[in-house]
N, C-alpha and C. Protein backbone atom coordinates (compact mmCIF):
# COMPACT_ATOMS: atom_id res chain seq x y z
N UNK A 1 13.46 -2.85 -6.50
CA UNK A 1 14.36 -2.91 -5.37
C UNK A 1 13.81 -3.90 -4.36
N UNK A 2 14.15 -5.10 -4.50
CA UNK A 2 13.70 -6.10 -3.56
C UNK A 2 14.79 -6.30 -2.52
N UNK A 3 14.40 -6.78 -1.36
CA UNK A 3 15.37 -7.02 -0.31
C UNK A 3 14.68 -7.05 1.03
N UNK A 4 15.46 -6.95 2.08
CA UNK A 4 14.89 -6.99 3.41
C UNK A 4 14.32 -5.63 3.77
N UNK A 5 13.27 -5.66 4.54
CA UNK A 5 12.64 -4.41 4.96
C UNK A 5 13.40 -3.89 6.17
N UNK A 6 13.83 -2.65 6.10
CA UNK A 6 14.61 -2.07 7.19
C UNK A 6 13.76 -1.30 8.18
N UNK A 7 12.58 -0.87 7.76
CA UNK A 7 11.72 -0.08 8.63
C UNK A 7 10.76 -1.00 9.38
N UNK A 8 10.44 -0.67 10.64
CA UNK A 8 9.46 -1.48 11.37
C UNK A 8 8.06 -1.25 10.81
N UNK A 9 7.20 -2.24 11.01
CA UNK A 9 5.81 -2.13 10.55
C UNK A 9 5.10 -1.08 11.39
N UNK A 10 4.40 -0.17 10.73
CA UNK A 10 3.63 0.88 11.41
C UNK A 10 2.24 0.92 10.82
N UNK A 11 1.26 1.04 11.67
CA UNK A 11 -0.12 1.15 11.21
C UNK A 11 -0.35 2.56 10.68
N UNK A 12 -0.91 2.63 9.46
CA UNK A 12 -1.21 3.91 8.83
C UNK A 12 -2.59 3.84 8.21
N UNK A 13 -3.18 5.00 7.94
CA UNK A 13 -4.47 5.11 7.26
C UNK A 13 -4.20 5.72 5.90
N UNK A 14 -4.94 5.25 4.89
CA UNK A 14 -4.67 5.65 3.52
C UNK A 14 -5.88 6.28 2.85
N UNK A 15 -5.58 7.10 1.87
CA UNK A 15 -6.59 7.72 1.02
C UNK A 15 -6.04 7.69 -0.40
N UNK A 16 -6.86 7.33 -1.35
CA UNK A 16 -6.42 7.25 -2.73
C UNK A 16 -6.98 8.43 -3.52
N UNK A 17 -6.09 9.22 -4.09
CA UNK A 17 -6.45 10.36 -4.92
C UNK A 17 -6.32 9.91 -6.37
N UNK A 18 -7.43 9.49 -6.97
CA UNK A 18 -7.37 8.94 -8.33
C UNK A 18 -7.11 10.01 -9.39
N UNK A 19 -7.48 11.22 -9.12
CA UNK A 19 -7.27 12.29 -10.10
C UNK A 19 -5.79 12.63 -10.25
N UNK A 20 -5.07 12.70 -9.13
CA UNK A 20 -3.64 13.02 -9.17
C UNK A 20 -2.75 11.78 -9.08
N UNK A 21 -3.37 10.60 -9.08
CA UNK A 21 -2.66 9.32 -9.07
C UNK A 21 -1.73 9.20 -7.87
N UNK A 22 -2.27 9.48 -6.68
CA UNK A 22 -1.46 9.43 -5.47
C UNK A 22 -2.18 8.65 -4.38
N UNK A 23 -1.39 7.99 -3.57
CA UNK A 23 -1.90 7.38 -2.35
C UNK A 23 -1.30 8.19 -1.21
N UNK A 24 -2.17 8.77 -0.41
CA UNK A 24 -1.74 9.58 0.73
C UNK A 24 -1.85 8.72 1.98
N UNK A 25 -0.88 8.86 2.88
CA UNK A 25 -1.01 8.10 4.13
C UNK A 25 -0.88 9.01 5.34
N UNK A 26 -1.59 8.61 6.38
CA UNK A 26 -1.76 9.40 7.59
C UNK A 26 -1.38 8.58 8.81
N UNK A 27 -0.89 9.24 9.84
CA UNK A 27 -0.53 8.55 11.08
C UNK A 27 -1.79 8.10 11.81
N UNK A 28 -2.79 8.93 11.87
CA UNK A 28 -4.03 8.60 12.56
C UNK A 28 -5.23 8.73 11.65
N UNK A 29 -6.28 8.08 12.03
CA UNK A 29 -7.51 8.05 11.23
C UNK A 29 -8.12 9.44 11.06
N UNK A 30 -7.96 10.30 12.04
CA UNK A 30 -8.58 11.63 11.99
C UNK A 30 -7.61 12.75 11.64
N UNK A 31 -6.37 12.41 11.29
CA UNK A 31 -5.40 13.44 10.91
C UNK A 31 -5.81 14.11 9.61
N UNK A 32 -5.62 15.41 9.53
CA UNK A 32 -5.98 16.13 8.31
C UNK A 32 -4.77 16.35 7.41
N UNK A 33 -3.57 16.21 7.94
CA UNK A 33 -2.36 16.42 7.16
C UNK A 33 -1.68 15.08 6.89
N UNK A 34 -1.37 14.82 5.62
CA UNK A 34 -0.78 13.53 5.30
C UNK A 34 0.67 13.44 5.79
N UNK A 35 1.05 12.22 6.14
CA UNK A 35 2.41 11.93 6.58
C UNK A 35 3.33 11.74 5.36
N UNK A 36 2.75 11.24 4.28
CA UNK A 36 3.53 11.01 3.07
C UNK A 36 2.64 10.71 1.89
N UNK A 37 3.27 10.61 0.72
CA UNK A 37 2.56 10.38 -0.52
C UNK A 37 3.31 9.36 -1.36
N UNK A 38 2.56 8.49 -2.00
CA UNK A 38 3.13 7.53 -2.94
C UNK A 38 2.50 7.80 -4.30
N UNK A 39 3.32 8.13 -5.29
CA UNK A 39 2.79 8.34 -6.63
C UNK A 39 2.50 6.99 -7.27
N UNK A 40 1.38 6.88 -7.96
CA UNK A 40 0.98 5.65 -8.62
C UNK A 40 1.08 5.87 -10.13
N UNK A 41 2.12 5.31 -10.70
CA UNK A 41 2.35 5.46 -12.14
C UNK A 41 1.76 4.30 -12.92
N UNK A 42 2.20 4.15 -14.15
CA UNK A 42 1.68 3.09 -15.01
C UNK A 42 2.63 1.89 -15.03
N UNK A 43 2.07 0.72 -15.35
CA UNK A 43 2.80 -0.54 -15.28
C UNK A 43 4.06 -0.54 -16.15
N UNK A 44 3.98 0.00 -17.34
CA UNK A 44 5.16 -0.05 -18.22
C UNK A 44 6.33 0.79 -17.68
N UNK A 45 6.05 1.65 -16.70
CA UNK A 45 7.11 2.43 -16.05
C UNK A 45 7.55 1.82 -14.72
N UNK A 46 7.08 0.61 -14.43
CA UNK A 46 7.54 -0.09 -13.24
C UNK A 46 6.65 0.02 -12.01
N UNK A 47 5.42 0.46 -12.19
CA UNK A 47 4.48 0.58 -11.08
C UNK A 47 3.50 -0.59 -11.13
N UNK A 48 3.37 -1.32 -10.03
CA UNK A 48 2.43 -2.43 -9.96
C UNK A 48 1.80 -2.49 -8.58
N UNK A 49 0.74 -3.27 -8.47
CA UNK A 49 0.12 -3.59 -7.18
C UNK A 49 -0.26 -5.06 -7.27
N UNK A 50 0.35 -5.88 -6.42
CA UNK A 50 0.13 -7.32 -6.45
C UNK A 50 -0.49 -7.79 -5.15
N UNK A 51 -1.29 -8.82 -5.26
CA UNK A 51 -1.86 -9.48 -4.09
C UNK A 51 -0.83 -10.50 -3.62
N UNK A 52 -0.50 -10.49 -2.34
CA UNK A 52 0.47 -11.45 -1.83
C UNK A 52 -0.02 -12.07 -0.54
N UNK A 53 0.59 -13.18 -0.19
CA UNK A 53 0.37 -13.82 1.11
C UNK A 53 1.72 -13.80 1.82
N UNK A 54 1.87 -12.93 2.82
CA UNK A 54 3.18 -12.82 3.47
C UNK A 54 3.52 -14.07 4.25
N UNK A 55 4.80 -14.42 4.26
CA UNK A 55 5.25 -15.58 5.03
C UNK A 55 5.17 -15.29 6.51
N UNK A 56 5.48 -14.06 6.88
CA UNK A 56 5.42 -13.64 8.27
C UNK A 56 4.70 -12.30 8.33
N UNK A 57 3.43 -12.32 8.72
CA UNK A 57 2.66 -11.06 8.71
C UNK A 57 2.97 -10.15 9.89
N UNK A 58 4.23 -10.01 10.23
CA UNK A 58 4.70 -9.06 11.24
C UNK A 58 4.06 -9.29 12.61
N UNK A 59 3.55 -10.47 12.84
CA UNK A 59 2.93 -10.76 14.12
C UNK A 59 1.58 -10.10 14.32
N UNK A 60 1.05 -9.49 13.32
CA UNK A 60 -0.23 -8.81 13.42
C UNK A 60 -1.35 -9.71 12.91
N UNK A 61 -2.58 -9.28 13.18
CA UNK A 61 -3.74 -10.06 12.77
C UNK A 61 -4.02 -9.94 11.28
N UNK A 62 -3.40 -8.99 10.59
CA UNK A 62 -3.69 -8.74 9.18
C UNK A 62 -2.91 -9.69 8.30
N UNK A 63 -3.64 -10.47 7.52
CA UNK A 63 -2.99 -11.41 6.62
C UNK A 63 -3.39 -11.15 5.18
N UNK A 64 -4.16 -10.11 4.96
CA UNK A 64 -4.61 -9.73 3.62
C UNK A 64 -3.67 -8.63 3.14
N UNK A 65 -2.79 -8.96 2.21
CA UNK A 65 -1.73 -8.02 1.86
C UNK A 65 -1.68 -7.69 0.37
N UNK A 66 -1.26 -6.45 0.11
CA UNK A 66 -1.04 -5.95 -1.24
C UNK A 66 0.38 -5.40 -1.26
N UNK A 67 1.05 -5.60 -2.37
CA UNK A 67 2.41 -5.12 -2.52
C UNK A 67 2.46 -4.05 -3.61
N UNK A 68 2.24 -2.76 -3.26
CA UNK A 68 2.41 -1.70 -4.24
C UNK A 68 3.91 -1.51 -4.50
N UNK A 69 4.29 -1.45 -5.77
CA UNK A 69 5.70 -1.33 -6.12
C UNK A 69 5.90 -0.15 -7.05
N UNK A 70 6.90 0.68 -6.72
CA UNK A 70 7.30 1.79 -7.57
C UNK A 70 8.71 1.49 -8.05
N UNK A 71 9.23 2.24 -9.01
CA UNK A 71 10.60 1.99 -9.43
C UNK A 71 11.62 2.20 -8.30
N UNK A 72 11.27 3.00 -7.30
CA UNK A 72 12.19 3.30 -6.21
C UNK A 72 12.01 2.42 -4.97
N UNK A 73 10.80 1.88 -4.78
CA UNK A 73 10.53 1.21 -3.51
C UNK A 73 9.37 0.24 -3.63
N UNK A 74 9.41 -0.77 -2.76
CA UNK A 74 8.32 -1.73 -2.63
C UNK A 74 7.68 -1.50 -1.26
N UNK A 75 6.36 -1.41 -1.22
CA UNK A 75 5.63 -1.18 0.01
C UNK A 75 4.84 -2.43 0.38
N UNK A 76 4.59 -2.63 1.65
CA UNK A 76 3.72 -3.70 2.11
C UNK A 76 2.48 -3.05 2.69
N UNK A 77 1.34 -3.32 2.12
CA UNK A 77 0.06 -2.73 2.47
C UNK A 77 -0.82 -3.86 3.00
N UNK A 78 -1.20 -3.80 4.27
CA UNK A 78 -1.97 -4.88 4.88
C UNK A 78 -3.35 -4.41 5.28
N UNK A 79 -4.34 -5.25 5.04
CA UNK A 79 -5.73 -4.95 5.36
C UNK A 79 -6.23 -5.96 6.40
N UNK A 80 -7.21 -5.54 7.15
CA UNK A 80 -7.78 -6.43 8.16
C UNK A 80 -8.70 -7.48 7.56
N UNK A 81 -9.33 -7.16 6.44
CA UNK A 81 -10.32 -8.06 5.85
C UNK A 81 -10.04 -8.30 4.37
N UNK A 82 -10.38 -9.50 3.92
CA UNK A 82 -10.18 -9.90 2.53
C UNK A 82 -10.96 -8.97 1.58
N UNK A 83 -12.17 -8.60 1.97
CA UNK A 83 -13.00 -7.73 1.15
C UNK A 83 -12.33 -6.37 0.91
N UNK A 84 -11.73 -5.81 1.96
CA UNK A 84 -11.04 -4.53 1.84
C UNK A 84 -9.82 -4.66 0.93
N UNK A 85 -9.11 -5.78 1.06
CA UNK A 85 -7.95 -6.01 0.21
C UNK A 85 -8.36 -6.01 -1.26
N UNK A 86 -9.43 -6.70 -1.59
CA UNK A 86 -9.90 -6.76 -2.97
C UNK A 86 -10.32 -5.38 -3.48
N UNK A 87 -10.97 -4.59 -2.61
CA UNK A 87 -11.38 -3.24 -2.99
C UNK A 87 -10.16 -2.35 -3.27
N UNK A 88 -9.17 -2.42 -2.39
CA UNK A 88 -7.97 -1.62 -2.58
C UNK A 88 -7.21 -2.06 -3.83
N UNK A 89 -7.09 -3.35 -4.04
CA UNK A 89 -6.38 -3.86 -5.21
C UNK A 89 -7.05 -3.39 -6.49
N UNK A 90 -8.36 -3.46 -6.53
CA UNK A 90 -9.11 -3.00 -7.70
C UNK A 90 -8.93 -1.49 -7.90
N UNK A 91 -8.93 -0.74 -6.82
CA UNK A 91 -8.73 0.71 -6.91
C UNK A 91 -7.34 1.03 -7.45
N UNK A 92 -6.31 0.34 -6.96
CA UNK A 92 -4.95 0.54 -7.47
C UNK A 92 -4.89 0.26 -8.97
N UNK A 93 -5.51 -0.82 -9.37
CA UNK A 93 -5.46 -1.23 -10.77
C UNK A 93 -6.21 -0.25 -11.68
N UNK A 94 -7.27 0.35 -11.18
CA UNK A 94 -8.02 1.32 -11.99
C UNK A 94 -7.25 2.63 -12.18
N UNK A 95 -6.45 2.98 -11.18
CA UNK A 95 -5.64 4.20 -11.28
C UNK A 95 -4.53 3.96 -12.28
């Protein structure tokens, strides 16, 4: 499902649960309850994580981006540093 993004960019904190194949996201760094969950499936079922360079990085300082894609939705995941982006991309690919 490609197209224009309708939701505004919001800063979130993430945790990757490799055992249950989920990415959990939180509103704040110290929140104990997740705001939402993204299931991470296998590539042949339409799940991917790609490294991208956004044309317009939402006016933010983050230019290191990953595009996790599920059959239902495409997400934009931005990191502050190139090293973190590579770590997250590798973690997605291992799951």
